[in-house]
């Protein structure tokens, strides 16, 4: 049976995973060096809005149940920028893991995932491919301008 054409695009951006005020999965994250981080009250509320209000309620209603593509339009991770001290970890692998765990639940619901290159000061070109490739390594082809992935 042929796939339905994609007739909707859901654009997300500025998740800032890795920031103490950014998106973080409810179970927290084990840090690369052995520590752990658990989301604060703001992050727990943000997660509820992200998963339940946005992805479970708003998106199906807005797309009328039709197939959709997701565009992650930058700043999936917070990075290490401007001498900021509010990151959960300055380790970009930790931030990448948080972003992966935040994006993974939506991948099965989308027909395509596109990621846009962020400003270098925020999201490293070295971390972004590793994070995105973990979502669906068999179908992601990164070209650093845009990435269209058929899932």
N, C-alpha and C. Protein backbone atom coordinates (compact mmCIF):
# COMPACT_ATOMS: atom_id res chain seq x y z
N UNK A 1 0.84 -1.19 0.00
CA UNK A 1 0.00 0.00 0.00
C UNK A 1 0.89 1.25 0.00
N UNK A 2 0.69 2.15 -0.94
CA UNK A 2 1.53 3.35 -1.00
C UNK A 2 1.30 4.27 0.19
N UNK A 3 2.36 4.97 0.56
CA UNK A 3 2.26 5.93 1.66
C UNK A 3 1.44 7.13 1.24
N UNK A 4 0.74 7.70 2.20
CA UNK A 4 0.04 8.96 1.94
C UNK A 4 1.09 10.06 1.79
N UNK A 5 0.83 11.02 0.93
CA UNK A 5 1.79 12.12 0.82
C UNK A 5 1.78 12.97 2.09
N UNK A 6 2.92 13.54 2.37
CA UNK A 6 3.04 14.42 3.54
C UNK A 6 2.40 15.75 3.19
N UNK A 7 1.42 16.13 3.97
CA UNK A 7 0.73 17.38 3.69
C UNK A 7 0.83 18.39 4.83
N UNK A 8 1.59 18.05 5.86
CA UNK A 8 1.75 18.92 7.02
C UNK A 8 3.20 18.95 7.47
N UNK A 9 3.61 20.09 7.98
CA UNK A 9 4.96 20.23 8.55
C UNK A 9 4.82 20.80 9.96
N UNK A 10 5.42 20.13 10.92
CA UNK A 10 5.44 20.60 12.30
C UNK A 10 6.86 21.11 12.57
N UNK A 11 6.98 22.38 12.88
CA UNK A 11 8.29 23.00 13.10
C UNK A 11 8.50 23.18 14.59
N UNK A 12 9.62 22.65 15.08
CA UNK A 12 10.00 22.83 16.48
C UNK A 12 11.39 23.45 16.50
N UNK A 13 11.69 24.16 17.55
CA UNK A 13 13.04 24.72 17.67
C UNK A 13 13.30 25.12 19.11
N UNK A 14 14.54 25.44 19.37
CA UNK A 14 14.95 25.98 20.67
C UNK A 14 14.56 25.08 21.84
N UNK A 15 14.85 23.79 21.70
CA UNK A 15 14.61 22.85 22.80
C UNK A 15 15.61 23.09 23.93
N UNK A 16 16.81 23.52 23.57
CA UNK A 16 17.88 23.82 24.52
C UNK A 16 18.10 22.69 25.53
N UNK A 17 18.08 21.46 25.02
CA UNK A 17 18.38 20.30 25.88
C UNK A 17 19.79 20.46 26.43
N UNK A 18 19.93 20.27 27.69
CA UNK A 18 21.22 20.47 28.35
C UNK A 18 21.24 21.72 29.20
N UNK A 19 20.22 22.56 29.06
CA UNK A 19 20.08 23.76 29.88
C UNK A 19 19.19 23.42 31.07
N UNK A 20 19.42 24.03 32.20
CA UNK A 20 18.59 23.78 33.37
C UNK A 20 17.15 24.24 33.19
N UNK A 21 16.87 25.03 32.16
CA UNK A 21 15.51 25.45 31.86
C UNK A 21 15.04 24.91 30.51
N UNK A 22 15.82 24.01 29.90
CA UNK A 22 15.45 23.41 28.63
C UNK A 22 14.71 22.11 28.82
N UNK A 23 14.32 21.53 27.71
CA UNK A 23 13.59 20.27 27.72
C UNK A 23 14.46 19.14 28.26
N UNK A 24 13.89 18.32 29.15
CA UNK A 24 14.62 17.20 29.74
C UNK A 24 13.62 16.08 30.02
N UNK A 25 13.94 14.83 29.64
CA UNK A 25 13.00 13.74 29.88
C UNK A 25 12.76 13.52 31.38
N UNK A 26 11.58 13.04 31.75
CA UNK A 26 11.21 12.94 33.17
C UNK A 26 12.09 12.02 34.00
N UNK A 27 12.68 11.03 33.39
CA UNK A 27 13.55 10.12 34.13
C UNK A 27 14.94 10.67 34.37
N UNK A 28 15.19 11.86 33.85
CA UNK A 28 16.52 12.45 34.01
C UNK A 28 17.52 11.82 33.07
N UNK A 29 18.77 12.02 33.39
CA UNK A 29 19.85 11.56 32.51
C UNK A 29 21.06 11.16 33.33
N UNK A 30 21.69 10.07 32.95
CA UNK A 30 22.95 9.68 33.55
C UNK A 30 24.03 10.40 32.77
N UNK A 31 24.85 11.17 33.45
CA UNK A 31 25.89 11.95 32.81
C UNK A 31 27.06 11.08 32.41
N UNK A 32 27.77 11.52 31.40
CA UNK A 32 28.88 10.76 30.82
C UNK A 32 29.94 10.38 31.85
N UNK A 33 30.16 11.22 32.82
CA UNK A 33 31.21 10.97 33.82
C UNK A 33 30.69 10.24 35.05
N UNK A 34 29.45 9.72 34.98
CA UNK A 34 28.95 8.89 36.07
C UNK A 34 27.93 9.54 36.99
N UNK A 35 27.77 10.84 36.92
CA UNK A 35 26.76 11.50 37.75
C UNK A 35 25.38 11.36 37.15
N UNK A 36 24.43 12.02 37.75
CA UNK A 36 23.07 11.98 37.24
C UNK A 36 22.44 13.35 37.38
N UNK A 37 21.47 13.62 36.52
CA UNK A 37 20.70 14.86 36.61
C UNK A 37 19.23 14.49 36.52
N UNK A 38 18.44 15.07 37.41
CA UNK A 38 17.00 14.85 37.40
C UNK A 38 16.33 16.19 37.12
N UNK A 39 15.30 16.20 36.28
CA UNK A 39 14.68 17.46 35.90
C UNK A 39 14.05 18.19 37.09
N UNK A 40 14.12 19.51 37.02
CA UNK A 40 13.52 20.34 38.06
C UNK A 40 12.03 20.53 37.78
N UNK A 41 11.35 21.28 38.62
CA UNK A 41 9.91 21.48 38.51
C UNK A 41 9.52 22.09 37.17
N UNK A 42 10.26 23.09 36.73
CA UNK A 42 9.98 23.74 35.45
C UNK A 42 10.14 22.74 34.31
N UNK A 43 11.19 21.93 34.35
CA UNK A 43 11.42 20.96 33.29
C UNK A 43 10.37 19.85 33.28
N UNK A 44 9.90 19.45 34.45
CA UNK A 44 8.83 18.44 34.50
C UNK A 44 7.55 18.99 33.89
N UNK A 45 7.23 20.24 34.17
CA UNK A 45 6.04 20.87 33.57
C UNK A 45 6.22 21.04 32.07
N UNK A 46 7.39 21.47 31.65
CA UNK A 46 7.69 21.64 30.23
C UNK A 46 7.54 20.30 29.49
N UNK A 47 8.02 19.21 30.10
CA UNK A 47 7.90 17.89 29.49
C UNK A 47 6.43 17.50 29.31
N UNK A 48 5.61 17.77 30.33
CA UNK A 48 4.19 17.46 30.25
C UNK A 48 3.54 18.21 29.08
N UNK A 49 3.87 19.47 28.94
CA UNK A 49 3.33 20.27 27.83
C UNK A 49 3.85 19.72 26.50
N UNK A 50 5.14 19.44 26.43
CA UNK A 50 5.79 18.92 25.22
C UNK A 50 5.13 17.62 24.75
N UNK A 51 5.03 16.66 25.61
CA UNK A 51 4.55 15.34 25.20
C UNK A 51 3.02 15.26 25.16
N UNK A 52 2.37 15.71 26.20
CA UNK A 52 0.92 15.52 26.29
C UNK A 52 0.11 16.59 25.58
N UNK A 53 0.44 17.83 25.80
CA UNK A 53 -0.35 18.90 25.18
C UNK A 53 0.03 19.07 23.71
N UNK A 54 1.32 19.12 23.41
CA UNK A 54 1.74 19.40 22.03
C UNK A 54 1.62 18.17 21.14
N UNK A 55 2.35 17.09 21.47
CA UNK A 55 2.40 15.92 20.58
C UNK A 55 1.17 15.04 20.62
N UNK A 56 0.54 14.91 21.77
CA UNK A 56 -0.63 14.02 21.86
C UNK A 56 -1.94 14.74 21.56
N UNK A 57 -2.02 16.03 21.83
CA UNK A 57 -3.27 16.76 21.62
C UNK A 57 -3.20 17.68 20.39
N UNK A 58 -2.29 18.65 20.42
CA UNK A 58 -2.26 19.68 19.38
C UNK A 58 -1.90 19.12 18.00
N UNK A 59 -0.81 18.38 17.89
CA UNK A 59 -0.35 17.93 16.57
C UNK A 59 -1.39 17.06 15.86
N UNK A 60 -1.96 16.04 16.50
CA UNK A 60 -2.98 15.25 15.79
C UNK A 60 -4.19 16.09 15.36
N UNK A 61 -4.57 17.06 16.16
CA UNK A 61 -5.69 17.92 15.80
C UNK A 61 -5.32 18.83 14.64
N UNK A 62 -4.16 19.47 14.73
CA UNK A 62 -3.73 20.41 13.69
C UNK A 62 -3.48 19.72 12.35
N UNK A 63 -3.00 18.48 12.39
CA UNK A 63 -2.70 17.76 11.14
C UNK A 63 -3.90 16.94 10.66
N UNK A 64 -4.97 16.95 11.43
CA UNK A 64 -6.19 16.19 11.10
C UNK A 64 -5.88 14.71 10.89
N UNK A 65 -4.89 14.21 11.62
CA UNK A 65 -4.53 12.81 11.52
C UNK A 65 -3.78 12.44 10.25
N UNK A 66 -3.44 13.42 9.44
CA UNK A 66 -2.70 13.17 8.19
C UNK A 66 -1.21 13.07 8.49
N UNK A 67 -0.45 12.44 7.57
CA UNK A 67 1.01 12.35 7.76
C UNK A 67 1.64 13.74 7.85
N UNK A 68 2.71 13.81 8.61
CA UNK A 68 3.41 15.08 8.76
C UNK A 68 4.91 14.86 8.86
N UNK A 69 5.62 15.91 8.50
CA UNK A 69 7.08 15.94 8.67
C UNK A 69 7.37 16.83 9.87
N UNK A 70 8.48 16.57 10.52
CA UNK A 70 8.92 17.41 11.64
C UNK A 70 10.21 18.10 11.23
N UNK A 71 10.27 19.39 11.42
CA UNK A 71 11.48 20.16 11.19
C UNK A 71 11.99 20.62 12.55
N UNK A 72 13.18 20.17 12.91
CA UNK A 72 13.84 20.67 14.12
C UNK A 72 14.73 21.80 13.64
N UNK A 73 14.29 23.01 13.86
CA UNK A 73 14.89 24.18 13.24
C UNK A 73 15.98 24.81 14.10
N UNK A 74 16.77 23.98 14.74
CA UNK A 74 17.93 24.51 15.45
C UNK A 74 17.81 24.50 16.96
N UNK A 75 18.96 24.56 17.58
CA UNK A 75 19.12 24.63 19.03
C UNK A 75 18.45 23.47 19.77
N UNK A 76 18.66 22.27 19.25
CA UNK A 76 18.18 21.08 19.96
C UNK A 76 18.93 20.93 21.27
N UNK A 77 20.21 21.30 21.29
CA UNK A 77 20.98 21.30 22.53
C UNK A 77 21.34 22.74 22.89
N UNK A 78 21.70 22.94 24.15
CA UNK A 78 22.04 24.29 24.60
C UNK A 78 23.46 24.67 24.20
N UNK A 79 24.36 23.70 24.16
CA UNK A 79 25.74 23.99 23.82
C UNK A 79 26.49 24.64 24.98
N UNK A 80 27.64 25.16 24.67
CA UNK A 80 28.45 25.90 25.65
C UNK A 80 28.76 27.25 25.01
N UNK A 81 28.05 28.25 25.42
CA UNK A 81 28.12 29.53 24.72
C UNK A 81 28.15 30.70 25.68
N UNK A 82 28.75 31.77 25.25
CA UNK A 82 28.72 33.06 25.94
C UNK A 82 29.07 32.97 27.43
N UNK A 83 29.97 32.08 27.80
CA UNK A 83 30.38 31.90 29.20
C UNK A 83 29.21 31.56 30.12
N UNK A 84 28.18 30.94 29.58
CA UNK A 84 27.00 30.58 30.37
C UNK A 84 27.34 29.50 31.39
N UNK A 85 26.66 29.54 32.50
CA UNK A 85 26.89 28.56 33.57
C UNK A 85 25.63 27.77 33.92
N UNK A 86 24.59 27.90 33.14
CA UNK A 86 23.31 27.26 33.44
C UNK A 86 23.13 25.89 32.80
N UNK A 87 24.15 25.37 32.14
CA UNK A 87 24.02 24.06 31.52
C UNK A 87 24.03 22.96 32.59
N UNK A 88 23.31 21.89 32.31
CA UNK A 88 23.32 20.70 33.15
C UNK A 88 24.73 20.13 33.15
N UNK A 89 25.34 20.14 31.98
CA UNK A 89 26.70 19.67 31.78
C UNK A 89 27.27 20.43 30.59
N UNK A 90 28.54 20.75 30.65
CA UNK A 90 29.19 21.37 29.49
C UNK A 90 29.63 20.30 28.50
N UNK A 91 29.46 19.05 28.85
CA UNK A 91 29.80 17.94 27.96
C UNK A 91 28.70 17.85 26.89
N UNK A 92 29.06 18.09 25.65
CA UNK A 92 28.07 18.09 24.57
C UNK A 92 27.49 16.71 24.32
N UNK A 93 28.19 15.66 24.70
CA UNK A 93 27.64 14.31 24.60
C UNK A 93 26.47 14.14 25.57
N UNK A 94 26.58 14.69 26.78
CA UNK A 94 25.47 14.65 27.73
C UNK A 94 24.26 15.40 27.16
N UNK A 95 24.50 16.58 26.63
CA UNK A 95 23.41 17.36 26.05
C UNK A 95 22.78 16.64 24.86
N UNK A 96 23.62 16.01 24.06
CA UNK A 96 23.13 15.25 22.92
C UNK A 96 22.25 14.09 23.36
N UNK A 97 22.62 13.43 24.43
CA UNK A 97 21.82 12.32 24.96
C UNK A 97 20.45 12.82 25.41
N UNK A 98 20.41 13.97 26.05
CA UNK A 98 19.14 14.55 26.48
C UNK A 98 18.27 14.85 25.26
N UNK A 99 18.85 15.46 24.25
CA UNK A 99 18.09 15.78 23.03
C UNK A 99 17.57 14.51 22.36
N UNK A 100 18.42 13.49 22.29
CA UNK A 100 17.99 12.23 21.70
C UNK A 100 16.78 11.68 22.44
N UNK A 101 16.84 11.68 23.76
CA UNK A 101 15.74 11.11 24.56
C UNK A 101 14.48 11.95 24.47
N UNK A 102 14.62 13.23 24.16
CA UNK A 102 13.45 14.09 23.99
C UNK A 102 12.82 13.92 22.61
N UNK A 103 13.63 13.69 21.59
CA UNK A 103 13.13 13.56 20.22
C UNK A 103 12.70 12.15 19.86
N UNK A 104 13.31 11.15 20.46
CA UNK A 104 13.03 9.76 20.10
C UNK A 104 11.54 9.39 20.18
N UNK A 105 10.78 9.84 21.19
CA UNK A 105 9.37 9.44 21.26
C UNK A 105 8.51 9.93 20.10
N UNK A 106 8.95 10.97 19.40
CA UNK A 106 8.11 11.50 18.31
C UNK A 106 8.47 10.92 16.95
N UNK A 107 9.59 10.24 16.85
CA UNK A 107 10.05 9.76 15.55
C UNK A 107 9.08 8.77 14.92
N UNK A 108 8.53 7.86 15.68
CA UNK A 108 7.63 6.87 15.11
C UNK A 108 6.32 7.47 14.62
N UNK A 109 6.02 8.67 15.03
CA UNK A 109 4.76 9.31 14.65
C UNK A 109 4.89 10.17 13.40
N UNK A 110 6.09 10.38 12.93
CA UNK A 110 6.31 11.28 11.81
C UNK A 110 6.69 10.53 10.54
N UNK A 111 6.42 11.13 9.41
CA UNK A 111 6.78 10.54 8.13
C UNK A 111 8.15 10.98 7.66
N UNK A 112 8.62 12.09 8.18
CA UNK A 112 9.95 12.60 7.80
C UNK A 112 10.46 13.48 8.93
N UNK A 113 11.76 13.49 9.09
CA UNK A 113 12.41 14.35 10.08
C UNK A 113 13.44 15.18 9.35
N UNK A 114 13.38 16.48 9.54
CA UNK A 114 14.36 17.39 8.95
C UNK A 114 15.04 18.13 10.08
N UNK A 115 16.33 18.29 9.97
CA UNK A 115 17.04 19.07 10.96
C UNK A 115 17.81 20.17 10.25
N UNK A 116 17.76 21.34 10.80
CA UNK A 116 18.46 22.47 10.21
C UNK A 116 19.72 22.75 11.01
N UNK A 117 20.74 23.18 10.34
CA UNK A 117 22.00 23.50 10.98
C UNK A 117 21.83 24.71 11.88
N UNK A 118 22.25 24.59 13.11
CA UNK A 118 22.19 25.70 14.05
C UNK A 118 23.43 26.56 13.93
N UNK A 119 23.36 27.71 14.55
CA UNK A 119 24.54 28.57 14.61
C UNK A 119 25.64 27.82 15.34
N UNK A 120 26.83 27.81 14.84
CA UNK A 120 27.94 27.05 15.38
C UNK A 120 28.19 27.33 16.86
N UNK A 121 27.95 28.57 17.31
CA UNK A 121 28.24 28.90 18.71
C UNK A 121 27.35 28.10 19.66
N UNK A 122 26.18 27.69 19.21
CA UNK A 122 25.27 26.96 20.07
C UNK A 122 25.43 25.45 19.91
N UNK A 123 25.25 24.94 18.71
CA UNK A 123 25.24 23.50 18.49
C UNK A 123 26.41 23.11 17.59
N UNK A 124 27.27 22.30 18.10
CA UNK A 124 28.47 21.88 17.39
C UNK A 124 28.13 21.00 16.20
N UNK A 125 28.81 21.24 15.07
CA UNK A 125 28.65 20.39 13.89
C UNK A 125 29.08 18.97 14.18
N UNK A 126 29.91 18.76 15.17
CA UNK A 126 30.38 17.41 15.50
C UNK A 126 29.35 16.64 16.32
N UNK A 127 28.59 17.33 17.16
CA UNK A 127 27.62 16.67 18.02
C UNK A 127 26.32 16.42 17.29
N UNK A 128 25.87 17.35 16.50
CA UNK A 128 24.58 17.24 15.83
C UNK A 128 24.43 15.96 15.03
N UNK A 129 25.36 15.58 14.18
CA UNK A 129 25.19 14.32 13.44
C UNK A 129 25.06 13.10 14.35
N UNK A 130 25.82 13.04 15.42
CA UNK A 130 25.74 11.88 16.32
C UNK A 130 24.37 11.81 16.98
N UNK A 131 23.85 12.96 17.41
CA UNK A 131 22.54 12.98 18.06
C UNK A 131 21.46 12.56 17.07
N UNK A 132 21.44 13.14 15.89
CA UNK A 132 20.40 12.85 14.92
C UNK A 132 20.51 11.43 14.40
N UNK A 133 21.71 10.93 14.17
CA UNK A 133 21.88 9.57 13.67
C UNK A 133 21.37 8.52 14.64
N UNK A 134 21.38 8.80 15.92
CA UNK A 134 20.86 7.84 16.90
C UNK A 134 19.36 7.67 16.78
N UNK A 135 18.67 8.67 16.28
CA UNK A 135 17.21 8.58 16.17
C UNK A 135 16.81 7.51 15.16
N UNK A 136 17.44 7.50 14.02
CA UNK A 136 17.15 6.49 13.00
C UNK A 136 18.37 6.33 12.11
N UNK A 137 19.38 5.59 12.58
CA UNK A 137 20.67 5.55 11.88
C UNK A 137 20.61 4.98 10.48
N UNK A 138 19.61 4.18 10.16
CA UNK A 138 19.57 3.59 8.83
C UNK A 138 19.04 4.54 7.77
N UNK A 139 18.43 5.65 8.16
CA UNK A 139 17.80 6.48 7.14
C UNK A 139 18.18 7.94 7.19
N UNK A 140 19.15 8.31 7.97
CA UNK A 140 19.49 9.72 8.06
C UNK A 140 20.73 10.03 7.23
N UNK A 141 20.62 11.05 6.43
CA UNK A 141 21.72 11.50 5.60
C UNK A 141 21.91 12.99 5.85
N UNK A 142 22.97 13.34 6.51
CA UNK A 142 23.18 14.73 6.92
C UNK A 142 23.98 15.47 5.87
N UNK A 143 23.48 16.62 5.47
CA UNK A 143 24.22 17.43 4.50
C UNK A 143 24.58 18.81 5.04
N UNK A 144 24.32 19.08 6.31
CA UNK A 144 24.67 20.31 7.00
C UNK A 144 23.94 21.56 6.50
N UNK A 145 23.06 21.41 5.54
CA UNK A 145 22.20 22.53 5.18
C UNK A 145 20.79 22.17 5.62
N UNK A 146 20.34 21.06 5.16
CA UNK A 146 19.08 20.50 5.66
C UNK A 146 19.17 19.00 5.54
N UNK A 147 18.35 18.33 6.27
CA UNK A 147 18.40 16.87 6.30
C UNK A 147 16.98 16.36 6.18
N UNK A 148 16.68 15.70 5.10
CA UNK A 148 15.36 15.13 4.93
C UNK A 148 15.50 13.63 5.12
N UNK A 149 14.71 13.10 6.01
CA UNK A 149 14.78 11.68 6.32
C UNK A 149 13.43 11.04 6.14
N UNK A 150 13.35 10.07 5.33
CA UNK A 150 12.12 9.29 5.20
C UNK A 150 12.19 8.19 6.23
N UNK A 151 11.23 8.11 7.09
CA UNK A 151 11.21 7.08 8.12
C UNK A 151 10.37 5.93 7.69
